[in-house]
């Protein structure tokens, strides 16, 4: 008995330690799925934050997987049905969680039931920008120019159902302009065609256009769709300053995982996410892109997404905007 007891205790201790050992040795990278093309604002945020989260997760890395198209539905469906929920997560944004449930009569995922929120990432101010062929230098001149186009004026967006798209529809509603939508598979290709003059204007997120506006830039910033001027682009007036009062729109995004993800995994990711958003490198990068970091709890993200779903759902229904 005296010989068996130490052996038994050793075996029991080893058995209890196995799950902890497996967790500690889990160095498989987490697949971070982004529903937009590489090079755009969403992709930039994911790569910036992933680098810091890796340090906070003891070296467990991330693989960014861009799956653009169908207003993020392709990416969302892929993650919702993932067979290994502990090793995949999604940049779920305005389209995924707020707009698509109203824009589409049927979705391959349920925005509320198929995902567990990890936490909000960032909010992107939207900037009304015009290409090199547009003569307008302020909002009054922009409206006059757009009205002079008898056949209507096309505009670029990061995709059908994106905040860029719906914010411009809100602009159309408020101004009475005749506009036609040209959707792209992400902000990056939309910006490229704005630079090339293929489309004349768009309400684009600050992360995607900041390097192309300002002195010597190929895009001209007409106004910001936020209540106050951006600290890093203070020379750009708000649209409210120029007469479009009460017009406020942002692109925003957060992290979600499949609903089947263990709660302890969600908690671990949330802790790493908050630490990353509060780190000096991420703060510095976000500042250059005029982004507002939104660190918080999974519950806070769920509340924010629900409020946005109600707000933009009203606009979508009022204007009978459908994508199917």
Protein backbone atom coordinates (compact mmCIF):
# COMPACT_ATOMS: atom_id res chain seq x y z
CA UNK A 1 0.00 0.00 0.00
CA UNK A 2 2.81 2.38 0.84
CA UNK A 3 4.42 1.65 -2.52
CA UNK A 4 1.18 1.89 -4.48
CA UNK A 5 0.03 5.22 -3.02
CA UNK A 6 2.86 7.40 -4.38
CA UNK A 7 2.51 5.70 -7.77
CA UNK A 8 -1.24 6.26 -7.77
CA UNK A 9 -0.80 9.91 -6.82
CA UNK A 10 1.72 10.36 -9.64
CA UNK A 11 -0.64 8.80 -12.18
CA UNK A 12 -3.59 10.92 -11.04
CA UNK A 13 -1.51 14.08 -11.10
CA UNK A 14 -0.34 13.27 -14.62
CA UNK A 15 -3.87 12.63 -15.81
CA UNK A 16 -5.14 15.94 -14.43
CA UNK A 17 -2.17 17.74 -15.97
CA UNK A 18 -2.78 16.40 -19.48
CA UNK A 19 -5.47 18.96 -20.48
CA UNK A 20 -3.34 21.82 -19.18
CA UNK A 21 -0.28 20.46 -20.95
CA UNK A 22 -2.23 20.08 -24.20
CA UNK A 23 -3.50 23.65 -23.92
CA UNK A 24 -0.03 24.96 -23.17
CA UNK A 25 1.42 23.10 -26.13
CA UNK A 26 -1.33 24.15 -28.57
CA UNK A 27 0.80 26.16 -30.94
CA UNK A 28 -1.43 25.67 -33.97
CA UNK A 29 -2.14 29.07 -35.54
CA UNK A 30 -5.63 30.55 -35.39
CA UNK A 31 -7.21 31.28 -38.77
CA UNK A 32 -8.35 34.91 -38.82
CA UNK A 33 -10.91 35.29 -41.62
CA UNK A 34 -11.48 38.73 -43.18
CA UNK A 35 -14.42 39.24 -45.54
CA UNK A 36 -12.65 41.81 -47.70
CA UNK A 37 -9.70 41.87 -50.08
CA UNK A 38 -6.13 42.23 -48.88
CA UNK A 39 -4.87 45.79 -48.61
CA UNK A 40 -8.07 47.44 -47.39
CA UNK A 41 -8.87 48.85 -43.97
CA UNK A 42 -10.22 45.60 -42.51
CA UNK A 43 -7.17 43.68 -43.66
CA UNK A 44 -4.82 46.32 -42.24
CA UNK A 45 -6.51 46.24 -38.84
CA UNK A 46 -6.45 42.45 -38.69
CA UNK A 47 -2.74 42.23 -39.48
CA UNK A 48 -1.84 45.04 -37.07
CA UNK A 49 -3.79 43.59 -34.16
CA UNK A 50 -2.81 39.96 -34.91
CA UNK A 51 0.87 40.79 -34.47
CA UNK A 52 0.27 42.06 -30.94
CA UNK A 53 -2.23 39.37 -29.99
CA UNK A 54 0.38 36.75 -30.87
CA UNK A 55 2.62 38.18 -28.16
CA UNK A 56 -0.26 38.10 -25.68
CA UNK A 57 -1.08 34.46 -26.47
CA UNK A 58 2.38 33.12 -25.70
CA UNK A 59 3.44 33.00 -29.32
CA UNK A 60 0.38 31.29 -30.78
CA UNK A 61 0.11 32.95 -34.18
CA UNK A 62 -2.56 33.86 -36.69
CA UNK A 63 -3.01 33.19 -40.38
CA UNK A 64 -5.01 35.93 -42.13
CA UNK A 65 -7.41 34.43 -44.68
CA UNK A 66 -9.10 36.95 -46.98
CA UNK A 67 -12.48 35.72 -48.25
CA UNK A 68 -14.10 38.70 -49.97
CA UNK A 69 -17.49 38.78 -51.65
CA UNK A 70 -21.25 38.66 -51.03
CA UNK A 71 -21.21 41.45 -48.44
CA UNK A 72 -19.03 39.32 -46.10
CA UNK A 73 -21.51 36.43 -46.24
CA UNK A 74 -18.94 34.06 -47.75
CA UNK A 75 -16.54 34.66 -44.88
CA UNK A 76 -19.27 34.57 -42.24
CA UNK A 77 -20.71 31.29 -43.51
CA UNK A 78 -17.23 29.75 -43.60
CA UNK A 79 -16.57 30.61 -39.95
CA UNK A 80 -20.08 29.76 -38.71
CA UNK A 81 -19.67 26.22 -40.08
CA UNK A 82 -16.03 25.73 -39.02
CA UNK A 83 -15.29 22.21 -37.77
CA UNK A 84 -12.56 23.41 -35.40
CA UNK A 85 -14.13 26.40 -33.60
CA UNK A 86 -11.16 26.92 -31.29
CA UNK A 87 -8.87 27.76 -34.21
CA UNK A 88 -10.87 30.17 -36.33
CA UNK A 89 -12.32 33.64 -35.88
CA UNK A 90 -13.87 36.33 -38.04
CA UNK A 91 -13.65 40.07 -38.45
CA UNK A 92 -17.40 40.64 -38.20
CA UNK A 93 -18.32 44.15 -39.20
CA UNK A 94 -21.17 46.51 -39.88
CA UNK A 95 -22.31 44.40 -42.83
CA UNK A 96 -22.06 41.02 -41.13
CA UNK A 97 -23.85 41.89 -37.92
CA UNK A 98 -25.89 45.05 -38.55
CA UNK A 99 -26.93 45.36 -42.21
CA UNK A 100 -27.13 41.88 -43.73
CA UNK A 101 -29.90 40.54 -41.48
CA UNK A 102 -32.23 43.13 -43.09
CA UNK A 103 -30.65 43.37 -46.54
CA UNK A 104 -31.07 39.66 -47.24
CA UNK A 105 -34.29 37.69 -46.88
CA UNK A 106 -32.21 34.58 -46.21
CA UNK A 107 -28.66 34.27 -44.92
CA UNK A 108 -26.42 31.18 -44.64
CA UNK A 109 -25.74 32.21 -41.03
CA UNK A 110 -27.61 33.74 -38.10
CA UNK A 111 -25.93 36.94 -36.93
CA UNK A 112 -27.05 36.49 -33.32
CA UNK A 113 -27.01 32.71 -32.84
CA UNK A 114 -24.09 31.40 -34.90
CA UNK A 115 -21.34 33.56 -33.39
CA UNK A 116 -19.96 34.37 -29.97
CA UNK A 117 -18.59 37.92 -29.70
CA UNK A 118 -15.00 38.32 -28.55
CA UNK A 119 -14.86 42.11 -28.53
CA UNK A 120 -14.99 45.20 -30.71
CA UNK A 121 -11.90 46.13 -32.71
CA UNK A 122 -12.20 49.62 -34.14
CA UNK A 123 -14.41 52.29 -35.61
CA UNK A 124 -13.46 53.87 -38.95
CA UNK A 125 -14.61 57.41 -39.79
CA UNK A 126 -16.00 57.69 -43.31
CA UNK A 127 -14.64 60.43 -45.56
CA UNK A 128 -16.37 61.72 -48.69
CA UNK A 129 -13.59 61.68 -51.31
CA UNK A 130 -13.58 62.55 -54.99
CA UNK A 131 -11.24 61.43 -57.74
CA UNK A 132 -8.88 63.52 -59.86
CA UNK A 133 -11.52 64.31 -62.50
CA UNK A 134 -14.01 65.92 -60.12
CA UNK A 135 -13.67 69.73 -59.81
CA UNK A 136 -15.48 70.08 -56.45
CA UNK A 137 -13.46 71.34 -53.48
CA UNK A 138 -16.19 71.45 -50.81
CA UNK A 139 -19.58 69.89 -50.13
CA UNK A 140 -21.61 72.68 -51.74
CA UNK A 141 -19.58 72.37 -54.94
CA UNK A 142 -19.85 68.59 -54.78
CA UNK A 143 -23.66 68.69 -54.63
CA UNK A 144 -23.79 71.18 -57.52
CA UNK A 145 -21.45 69.01 -59.60
CA UNK A 146 -23.43 65.83 -58.88
CA UNK A 147 -26.71 67.53 -59.80
CA UNK A 148 -25.22 68.64 -63.11
CA UNK A 149 -24.85 65.01 -64.20
CA UNK A 150 -28.15 64.39 -65.95
CA UNK A 151 -27.69 60.61 -66.10
CA UNK A 152 -26.81 60.35 -62.43
CA UNK A 153 -23.50 59.93 -60.65
CA UNK A 154 -21.86 56.57 -59.88
CA UNK A 155 -20.13 55.98 -56.58
CA UNK A 156 -17.76 53.31 -55.31
CA UNK A 157 -18.16 51.25 -52.17
CA UNK A 158 -16.36 48.36 -50.47
CA UNK A 159 -19.28 46.10 -51.36
CA UNK A 160 -23.04 45.81 -51.34
CA UNK A 161 -24.29 46.19 -47.80
CA UNK A 162 -21.03 47.72 -46.56
CA UNK A 163 -21.14 50.88 -44.42
CA UNK A 164 -19.68 52.73 -47.41
CA UNK A 165 -22.71 51.66 -49.46
CA UNK A 166 -25.42 52.36 -46.88
CA UNK A 167 -23.90 55.64 -45.73
CA UNK A 168 -23.97 56.85 -49.35
CA UNK A 169 -27.58 55.73 -49.63
CA UNK A 170 -28.27 57.84 -46.55
CA UNK A 171 -26.46 60.72 -48.30
CA UNK A 172 -28.65 60.21 -51.37
CA UNK A 173 -31.76 60.25 -49.17
CA UNK A 174 -30.69 63.45 -47.43
CA UNK A 175 -29.61 65.35 -50.57
CA UNK A 176 -31.96 64.02 -53.26
CA UNK A 177 -29.00 63.31 -55.54
CA UNK A 178 -29.36 60.76 -58.33
CA UNK A 179 -26.67 58.18 -57.56
CA UNK A 180 -25.82 54.71 -58.84
CA UNK A 181 -23.93 52.13 -56.82
CA UNK A 182 -20.71 50.48 -58.05
CA UNK A 183 -19.81 47.78 -55.49
CA UNK A 184 -16.31 46.32 -55.18
CA UNK A 185 -14.90 43.32 -53.33
CA UNK A 186 -13.37 45.47 -50.60
CA UNK A 187 -12.15 49.02 -50.08
CA UNK A 188 -8.73 48.49 -51.68
CA UNK A 189 -9.98 47.80 -55.24
CA UNK A 190 -12.59 50.56 -54.87
CA UNK A 191 -9.87 53.07 -53.97
CA UNK A 192 -7.76 51.97 -56.94
CA UNK A 193 -10.59 52.80 -59.33
CA UNK A 194 -11.18 56.11 -57.56
CA UNK A 195 -7.51 56.94 -58.11
CA UNK A 196 -7.77 55.93 -61.75
CA UNK A 197 -10.91 57.98 -62.36
CA UNK A 198 -13.10 54.99 -63.27
CA UNK A 199 -15.57 56.09 -60.56
CA UNK A 200 -15.78 59.71 -59.41
CA UNK A 201 -16.47 59.52 -55.67
CA UNK A 202 -17.16 57.42 -52.61
CA UNK A 203 -17.64 57.57 -48.87
CA UNK A 204 -14.54 55.59 -47.90
CA UNK A 205 -13.08 54.61 -44.55
CA UNK A 206 -10.13 56.62 -43.27
CA UNK A 207 -7.78 53.62 -43.17
CA UNK A 208 -8.19 52.99 -46.90
CA UNK A 209 -7.75 56.56 -48.17
CA UNK A 210 -5.57 58.43 -45.67
CA UNK A 211 -2.41 57.89 -47.72
CA UNK A 212 -4.02 59.31 -50.86
CA UNK A 213 -5.45 62.56 -49.50
CA UNK A 214 -3.79 65.75 -48.34
CA UNK A 215 -0.99 67.67 -49.99
CA UNK A 216 0.00 66.00 -53.25
CA UNK A 217 -2.65 63.30 -52.84
CA UNK A 218 -4.59 62.00 -55.82
CA UNK A 219 -7.90 62.02 -53.94
CA UNK A 220 -9.57 65.15 -52.58
CA UNK A 221 -11.34 64.94 -49.23
CA UNK A 222 -14.65 66.84 -49.24
CA UNK A 223 -15.80 66.15 -45.70
CA UNK A 224 -15.87 63.73 -42.77
CA UNK A 225 -19.09 61.94 -41.75
CA UNK A 226 -18.35 62.23 -38.03
CA UNK A 227 -19.48 64.85 -35.47
CA UNK A 228 -15.98 66.27 -35.02
CA UNK A 229 -12.91 66.70 -37.20
CA UNK A 230 -10.36 63.92 -37.06
CA UNK A 231 -7.33 64.78 -34.88
CA UNK A 232 -4.88 63.43 -37.47
CA UNK A 233 -6.69 65.06 -40.43
CA UNK A 234 -7.88 68.26 -38.80
CA UNK A 235 -7.77 70.15 -42.09
CA UNK A 236 -10.78 68.18 -43.40
CA UNK A 237 -14.07 69.80 -42.34
CA UNK A 238 -17.01 67.69 -41.26
CA UNK A 239 -20.03 67.39 -43.52
CA UNK A 240 -22.08 68.85 -40.67
CA UNK A 241 -19.96 72.01 -40.76
CA UNK A 242 -20.85 72.33 -44.43
CA UNK A 243 -24.59 72.13 -43.94
CA UNK A 244 -25.33 68.38 -43.82
CA UNK A 245 -26.41 68.35 -40.19
CA UNK A 246 -27.15 65.15 -38.31
CA UNK A 247 -25.25 63.00 -40.80
CA UNK A 248 -23.08 60.50 -38.93
CA UNK A 249 -21.75 57.18 -40.21
CA UNK A 250 -18.88 54.88 -39.37
CA UNK A 251 -17.46 51.61 -40.51
CA UNK A 252 -16.86 49.39 -37.49
CA UNK A 253 -15.78 45.87 -36.79
CA UNK A 254 -15.23 43.36 -34.04
CA UNK A 255 -14.03 39.82 -33.52
CA UNK A 256 -16.37 36.83 -33.32
CA UNK A 257 -15.84 33.08 -33.11
CA UNK A 258 -18.20 30.19 -33.85
CA UNK A 259 -20.91 29.79 -31.20
CA UNK A 260 -19.50 26.37 -30.25
CA UNK A 261 -16.19 27.88 -29.11
CA UNK A 262 -15.49 27.05 -25.44
CA UNK A 263 -16.09 30.04 -23.11
CA UNK A 264 -12.53 29.84 -21.79
CA UNK A 265 -11.22 30.29 -25.34
CA UNK A 266 -13.43 33.36 -25.82
CA UNK A 267 -12.17 34.80 -22.54
CA UNK A 268 -8.54 34.15 -23.52
CA UNK A 269 -8.99 35.83 -26.90
CA UNK A 270 -10.80 38.81 -25.35
CA UNK A 271 -7.97 39.34 -22.87
CA UNK A 272 -5.37 39.18 -25.66
CA UNK A 273 -7.46 41.50 -27.85
CA UNK A 274 -7.83 44.19 -25.17
CA UNK A 275 -4.10 44.06 -24.41
CA UNK A 276 -3.33 44.42 -28.12
CA UNK A 277 -5.68 47.39 -28.60
CA UNK A 278 -4.10 49.11 -25.60
CA UNK A 279 -0.52 48.44 -26.75
CA UNK A 280 1.68 51.26 -27.99
CA UNK A 281 2.28 49.82 -31.51
CA UNK A 282 -1.44 49.36 -32.20
CA UNK A 283 -2.33 52.78 -30.78
CA UNK A 284 0.32 54.40 -32.98
CA UNK A 285 -0.83 52.57 -36.11
CA UNK A 286 -4.49 53.34 -35.45
CA UNK A 287 -3.65 57.01 -34.95
CA UNK A 288 -2.02 57.25 -38.36
CA UNK A 289 -5.16 55.68 -39.87
CA UNK A 290 -7.51 57.93 -37.86
CA UNK A 291 -9.10 54.86 -36.25
CA UNK A 292 -10.79 54.72 -32.87
CA UNK A 293 -9.94 51.57 -30.91
CA UNK A 294 -12.91 50.04 -29.08
CA UNK A 295 -11.60 47.70 -26.36
CA UNK A 296 -14.33 46.10 -24.30
CA UNK A 297 -16.14 42.97 -23.22
CA UNK A 298 -18.02 40.47 -25.40
CA UNK A 299 -21.25 41.73 -23.82
CA UNK A 300 -20.48 45.32 -24.83
CA UNK A 301 -19.90 44.20 -28.41
CA UNK A 302 -23.21 42.32 -28.46
CA UNK A 303 -25.06 45.43 -27.22
CA UNK A 304 -23.36 47.70 -29.77
CA UNK A 305 -24.10 45.35 -32.67
CA UNK A 306 -27.74 45.06 -31.64
CA UNK A 307 -28.18 48.86 -31.55
CA UNK A 308 -26.53 49.24 -34.97
CA UNK A 309 -28.74 46.47 -36.40
CA UNK A 310 -31.84 48.36 -35.29
CA UNK A 311 -30.59 51.75 -36.56
CA UNK A 312 -29.54 50.69 -40.04
CA UNK A 313 -32.34 48.18 -40.38
CA UNK A 314 -34.77 51.09 -40.26
CA UNK A 315 -32.93 52.86 -43.13
CA UNK A 316 -32.81 49.68 -45.21
CA UNK A 317 -36.52 48.99 -44.78
CA UNK A 318 -37.51 52.63 -45.36
CA UNK A 319 -35.66 52.70 -48.68
CA UNK A 320 -36.56 49.14 -49.66
CA UNK A 321 -32.90 48.21 -50.18
CA UNK A 322 -32.55 44.51 -50.93
CA UNK A 323 -29.59 42.42 -52.02
CA UNK A 324 -31.44 39.26 -53.04
